[in-house]
Amino acid sequence: MSMQKLHTTQCLEDAQAAIYQLFDEIPEAEAIEVRVFSGETQPPVLAGIVPRAET
């Protein structure tokens, strides 16, 4: 597997874990806006709004 594919897979897994954790810690949250960056000056590699119903 290429390094880029590994990085992308790890990024998605980390984001998913963080989203689940945030919904657990903030039960009143109906949705969470997510933006994942690979560097401070780079555009987001992942962005969107995740409604609780999808978790």
PDB file of N, CA and C in Angstrom:
ATOM      1  N   MET A   1       0.854  -1.173   0.000  1.00  0.00           N
ATOM      2  CA  MET A   1       0.000   0.000   0.000  1.00  0.00           C
ATOM      3  C   MET A   1       0.901   1.238   0.000  1.00  0.00           C
ATOM      4  N   SER A   2       0.533   2.244  -0.785  1.00  0.00           N
ATOM      5  CA  SER A   2       1.355   3.444  -0.894  1.00  0.00           C
ATOM      6  C   SER A   2       1.277   4.272   0.393  1.00  0.00           C
ATOM      7  N   MET A   3       2.287   5.098   0.596  1.00  0.00           N
ATOM      8  CA  MET A   3       2.311   5.966   1.775  1.00  0.00           C
ATOM      9  C   MET A   3       1.121   6.931   1.766  1.00  0.00           C
ATOM     10  N   GLN A   4       0.762   7.438   0.592  1.00  0.00           N
ATOM     11  CA  GLN A   4      -0.376   8.358   0.491  1.00  0.00           C
ATOM     12  C   GLN A   4      -1.670   7.665   0.908  1.00  0.00           C
ATOM     13  N   LYS A   5      -1.851   6.425   0.467  1.00  0.00           N
ATOM     14  CA  LYS A   5      -3.052   5.659   0.816  1.00  0.00           C
ATOM     15  C   LYS A   5      -3.076   5.380   2.323  1.00  0.00           C
ATOM     16  N   LEU A   6      -1.928   5.033   2.887  1.00  0.00           N
ATOM     17  CA  LEU A   6      -1.849   4.797   4.330  1.00  0.00           C
ATOM     18  C   LEU A   6      -2.192   6.067   5.106  1.00  0.00           C
ATOM     19  N   HIS A   7      -1.649   7.193   4.658  1.00  0.00           N
ATOM     20  CA  HIS A   7      -1.915   8.474   5.316  1.00  0.00           C
ATOM     21  C   HIS A   7      -3.405   8.812   5.249  1.00  0.00           C
ATOM     22  N   THR A   8      -4.000   8.630   4.096  1.00  0.00           N
ATOM     23  CA  THR A   8      -5.420   8.921   3.907  1.00  0.00           C
ATOM     24  C   THR A   8      -6.286   8.024   4.784  1.00  0.00           C
ATOM     25  N   THR A   9      -5.980   6.744   4.806  1.00  0.00           N
ATOM     26  CA  THR A   9      -6.732   5.791   5.624  1.00  0.00           C
ATOM     27  C   THR A   9      -6.635   6.152   7.097  1.00  0.00           C
ATOM     28  N   GLN A  10      -5.427   6.469   7.568  1.00  0.00           N
ATOM     29  CA  GLN A  10      -5.230   6.832   8.969  1.00  0.00           C
ATOM     30  C   GLN A  10      -5.978   8.120   9.303  1.00  0.00           C
ATOM     31  N   CYS A  11      -5.953   9.075   8.398  1.00  0.00           N
ATOM     32  CA  CYS A  11      -6.657  10.345   8.586  1.00  0.00           C
ATOM     33  C   CYS A  11      -8.158  10.105   8.767  1.00  0.00           C
ATOM     34  N   LEU A  12      -8.742   9.293   7.907  1.00  0.00           N
ATOM     35  CA  LEU A  12     -10.175   8.998   7.994  1.00  0.00           C
ATOM     36  C   LEU A  12     -10.522   8.253   9.279  1.00  0.00           C
ATOM     37  N   GLU A  13      -9.689   7.298   9.667  1.00  0.00           N
ATOM     38  CA  GLU A  13      -9.933   6.540  10.898  1.00  0.00           C
ATOM     39  C   GLU A  13      -9.843   7.446  12.122  1.00  0.00           C
ATOM     40  N   ASP A  14      -8.839   8.332  12.145  1.00  0.00           N
ATOM     41  CA  ASP A  14      -8.684   9.258  13.272  1.00  0.00           C
ATOM     42  C   ASP A  14      -9.861  10.229  13.354  1.00  0.00           C
ATOM     43  N   ALA A  15     -10.298  10.734  12.208  1.00  0.00           N
ATOM     44  CA  ALA A  15     -11.428  11.667  12.182  1.00  0.00           C
ATOM     45  C   ALA A  15     -12.697  10.978  12.677  1.00  0.00           C
ATOM     46  N   GLN A  16     -12.931   9.762  12.230  1.00  0.00           N
ATOM     47  CA  GLN A  16     -14.121   9.021  12.659  1.00  0.00           C
ATOM     48  C   GLN A  16     -14.096   8.794  14.170  1.00  0.00           C
ATOM     49  N   ALA A  17     -12.954   8.397  14.701  1.00  0.00           N
ATOM     50  CA  ALA A  17     -12.839   8.163  16.140  1.00  0.00           C
ATOM     51  C   ALA A  17     -13.091   9.453  16.920  1.00  0.00           C
ATOM     52  N   ALA A  18     -12.563  10.565  16.440  1.00  0.00           N
ATOM     53  CA  ALA A  18     -12.761  11.850  17.111  1.00  0.00           C
ATOM     54  C   ALA A  18     -14.229  12.266  17.083  1.00  0.00           C
ATOM     55  N   ILE A  19     -14.896  12.034  15.973  1.00  0.00           N
ATOM     56  CA  ILE A  19     -16.318  12.385  15.851  1.00  0.00           C
ATOM     57  C   ILE A  19     -17.154  11.574  16.840  1.00  0.00           C
ATOM     58  N   TYR A  20     -16.928  10.274  16.904  1.00  0.00           N
ATOM     59  CA  TYR A  20     -17.660   9.439  17.867  1.00  0.00           C
ATOM     60  C   TYR A  20     -17.410   9.924  19.296  1.00  0.00           C
ATOM     61  N   GLN A  21     -16.156  10.232  19.608  1.00  0.00           N
ATOM     62  CA  GLN A  21     -15.807  10.680  20.954  1.00  0.00           C
ATOM     63  C   GLN A  21     -16.492  12.009  21.283  1.00  0.00           C
ATOM     64  N   LEU A  22     -16.501  12.933  20.336  1.00  0.00           N
ATOM     65  CA  LEU A  22     -17.164  14.217  20.569  1.00  0.00           C
ATOM     66  C   LEU A  22     -18.661  14.044  20.809  1.00  0.00           C
ATOM     67  N   PHE A  23     -19.316  13.204  20.036  1.00  0.00           N
ATOM     68  CA  PHE A  23     -20.747  12.974  20.253  1.00  0.00           C
ATOM     69  C   PHE A  23     -20.994  12.327  21.615  1.00  0.00           C
ATOM     70  N   ASP A  24     -20.093  11.449  22.062  1.00  0.00           N
ATOM     71  CA  ASP A  24     -20.225  10.853  23.394  1.00  0.00           C
ATOM     72  C   ASP A  24     -20.061  11.903  24.487  1.00  0.00           C
ATOM     73  N   GLU A  25     -19.106  12.823  24.298  1.00  0.00           N
ATOM     74  CA  GLU A  25     -18.799  13.826  25.314  1.00  0.00           C
ATOM     75  C   GLU A  25     -19.765  15.008  25.308  1.00  0.00           C
ATOM     76  N   ILE A  26     -20.440  15.243  24.184  1.00  0.00           N
ATOM     77  CA  ILE A  26     -21.361  16.377  24.071  1.00  0.00           C
ATOM     78  C   ILE A  26     -22.722  15.843  23.613  1.00  0.00           C
ATOM     79  N   PRO A  27     -23.488  15.245  24.529  1.00  0.00           N
ATOM     80  CA  PRO A  27     -24.742  14.606  24.140  1.00  0.00           C
ATOM     81  C   PRO A  27     -25.771  15.567  23.537  1.00  0.00           C
ATOM     82  N   GLU A  28     -25.677  16.849  23.854  1.00  0.00           N
ATOM     83  CA  GLU A  28     -26.641  17.806  23.304  1.00  0.00           C
ATOM     84  C   GLU A  28     -26.310  18.237  21.873  1.00  0.00           C
ATOM     85  N   ALA A  29     -25.145  17.862  21.371  1.00  0.00           N
ATOM     86  CA  ALA A  29     -24.758  18.235  20.001  1.00  0.00           C
ATOM     87  C   ALA A  29     -25.582  17.443  18.988  1.00  0.00           C
ATOM     88  N   GLU A  30     -26.214  18.152  18.087  1.00  0.00           N
ATOM     89  CA  GLU A  30     -27.002  17.518  17.021  1.00  0.00           C
ATOM     90  C   GLU A  30     -26.153  17.248  15.789  1.00  0.00           C
ATOM     91  N   ALA A  31     -25.095  18.053  15.627  1.00  0.00           N
ATOM     92  CA  ALA A  31     -24.199  17.915  14.475  1.00  0.00           C
ATOM     93  C   ALA A  31     -22.841  18.496  14.851  1.00  0.00           C
ATOM     94  N   ILE A  32     -21.816  18.040  14.155  1.00  0.00           N
ATOM     95  CA  ILE A  32     -20.455  18.529  14.382  1.00  0.00           C
ATOM     96  C   ILE A  32     -19.856  18.902  13.038  1.00  0.00           C
ATOM     97  N   GLU A  33     -19.318  20.125  12.974  1.00  0.00           N
ATOM     98  CA  GLU A  33     -18.613  20.550  11.764  1.00  0.00           C
ATOM     99  C   GLU A  33     -17.162  20.092  11.885  1.00  0.00           C
ATOM    100  N   VAL A  34     -16.686  19.419  10.853  1.00  0.00           N
ATOM    101  CA  VAL A  34     -15.352  18.821  10.878  1.00  0.00           C
ATOM    102  C   VAL A  34     -14.503  19.405   9.756  1.00  0.00           C
ATOM    103  N   ARG A  35     -13.272  19.761  10.096  1.00  0.00           N
ATOM    104  CA  ARG A  35     -12.275  20.146   9.089  1.00  0.00           C
ATOM    105  C   ARG A  35     -10.953  19.540   9.519  1.00  0.00           C
ATOM    106  N   VAL A  36     -10.339  18.762   8.652  1.00  0.00           N
ATOM    107  CA  VAL A  36      -9.071  18.093   8.935  1.00  0.00           C
ATOM    108  C   VAL A  36      -8.027  18.642   7.972  1.00  0.00           C
ATOM    109  N   PHE A  37      -6.909  19.088   8.541  1.00  0.00           N
ATOM    110  CA  PHE A  37      -5.831  19.671   7.745  1.00  0.00           C
ATOM    111  C   PHE A  37      -4.584  18.804   7.841  1.00  0.00           C
ATOM    112  N   SER A  38      -3.819  18.743   6.764  1.00  0.00           N
ATOM    113  CA  SER A  38      -2.543  18.026   6.822  1.00  0.00           C
ATOM    114  C   SER A  38      -1.412  18.971   7.200  1.00  0.00           C
ATOM    115  N   GLY A  39      -1.651  20.261   7.126  1.00  0.00           N
ATOM    116  CA  GLY A  39      -0.673  21.268   7.524  1.00  0.00           C
ATOM    117  C   GLY A  39      -1.367  22.597   7.744  1.00  0.00           C
ATOM    118  N   GLU A  40      -0.731  23.478   8.506  1.00  0.00           N
ATOM    119  CA  GLU A  40      -1.353  24.758   8.851  1.00  0.00           C
ATOM    120  C   GLU A  40      -1.694  25.603   7.637  1.00  0.00           C
ATOM    121  N   THR A  41      -0.877  25.552   6.610  1.00  0.00           N
ATOM    122  CA  THR A  41      -1.094  26.412   5.442  1.00  0.00           C
ATOM    123  C   THR A  41      -1.784  25.688   4.294  1.00  0.00           C
ATOM    124  N   GLN A  42      -2.180  24.459   4.519  1.00  0.00           N
ATOM    125  CA  GLN A  42      -2.820  23.652   3.480  1.00  0.00           C
ATOM    126  C   GLN A  42      -4.342  23.743   3.592  1.00  0.00           C
ATOM    127  N   PRO A  43      -5.040  23.564   2.478  1.00  0.00           N
ATOM    128  CA  PRO A  43      -6.507  23.500   2.558  1.00  0.00           C
ATOM    129  C   PRO A  43      -6.930  22.203   3.262  1.00  0.00           C
ATOM    130  N   PRO A  44      -8.159  22.137   3.751  1.00  0.00           N
ATOM    131  CA  PRO A  44      -8.595  20.912   4.429  1.00  0.00           C
ATOM    132  C   PRO A  44      -8.587  19.707   3.487  1.00  0.00           C
ATOM    133  N   VAL A  45      -8.200  18.564   4.037  1.00  0.00           N
ATOM    134  CA  VAL A  45      -8.246  17.317   3.267  1.00  0.00           C
ATOM    135  C   VAL A  45      -9.589  16.620   3.471  1.00  0.00           C
ATOM    136  N   LEU A  46     -10.305  17.049   4.506  1.00  0.00           N
ATOM    137  CA  LEU A  46     -11.612  16.493   4.830  1.00  0.00           C
ATOM    138  C   LEU A  46     -12.422  17.600   5.487  1.00  0.00           C
ATOM    139  N   ALA A  47     -13.635  17.815   5.030  1.00  0.00           N
ATOM    140  CA  ALA A  47     -14.474  18.854   5.627  1.00  0.00           C
ATOM    141  C   ALA A  47     -15.939  18.500   5.434  1.00  0.00           C
ATOM    142  N   GLY A  48     -16.740  18.834   6.430  1.00  0.00           N
ATOM    143  CA  GLY A  48     -18.164  18.604   6.310  1.00  0.00           C
ATOM    144  C   GLY A  48     -18.860  18.706   7.650  1.00  0.00           C
ATOM    145  N   ILE A  49     -20.165  18.540   7.622  1.00  0.00           N
ATOM    146  CA  ILE A  49     -20.982  18.543   8.827  1.00  0.00           C
ATOM    147  C   ILE A  49     -21.540  17.137   9.007  1.00  0.00           C
ATOM    148  N   VAL A  50     -21.314  16.582  10.197  1.00  0.00           N
ATOM    149  CA  VAL A  50     -21.765  15.221  10.490  1.00  0.00           C
ATOM    150  C   VAL A  50     -22.926  15.297  11.472  1.00  0.00           C
ATOM    151  N   PRO A  51     -24.137  14.953  11.036  1.00  0.00           N
ATOM    152  CA  PRO A  51     -25.267  14.927  11.968  1.00  0.00           C
ATOM    153  C   PRO A  51     -25.187  13.700  12.875  1.00  0.00           C
ATOM    154  N   ARG A  52     -25.688  13.837  14.067  1.00  0.00           N
ATOM    155  CA  ARG A  52     -25.648  12.732  15.028  1.00  0.00           C
ATOM    156  C   ARG A  52     -26.278  11.465  14.451  1.00  0.00           C
ATOM    157  N   ALA A  53     -27.313  11.570  13.675  1.00  0.00           N
ATOM    158  CA  ALA A  53     -28.005  10.403  13.124  1.00  0.00           C
ATOM    159  C   ALA A  53     -27.088   9.495  12.312  1.00  0.00           C
ATOM    160  N   GLU A  54     -25.969  10.017  11.811  1.00  0.00           N
ATOM    161  CA  GLU A  54     -25.065   9.209  11.001  1.00  0.00           C
ATOM    162  C   GLU A  54     -24.008   8.495  11.826  1.00  0.00           C
ATOM    163  N   THR A  55     -23.978   8.703  13.139  1.00  0.00           N
ATOM    164  CA  THR A  55     -22.951   8.063  13.963  1.00  0.00           C
ATOM    165  C   THR A  55     -23.480   6.821  14.608  1.00  0.00           C
TER     166      THR A  55
END
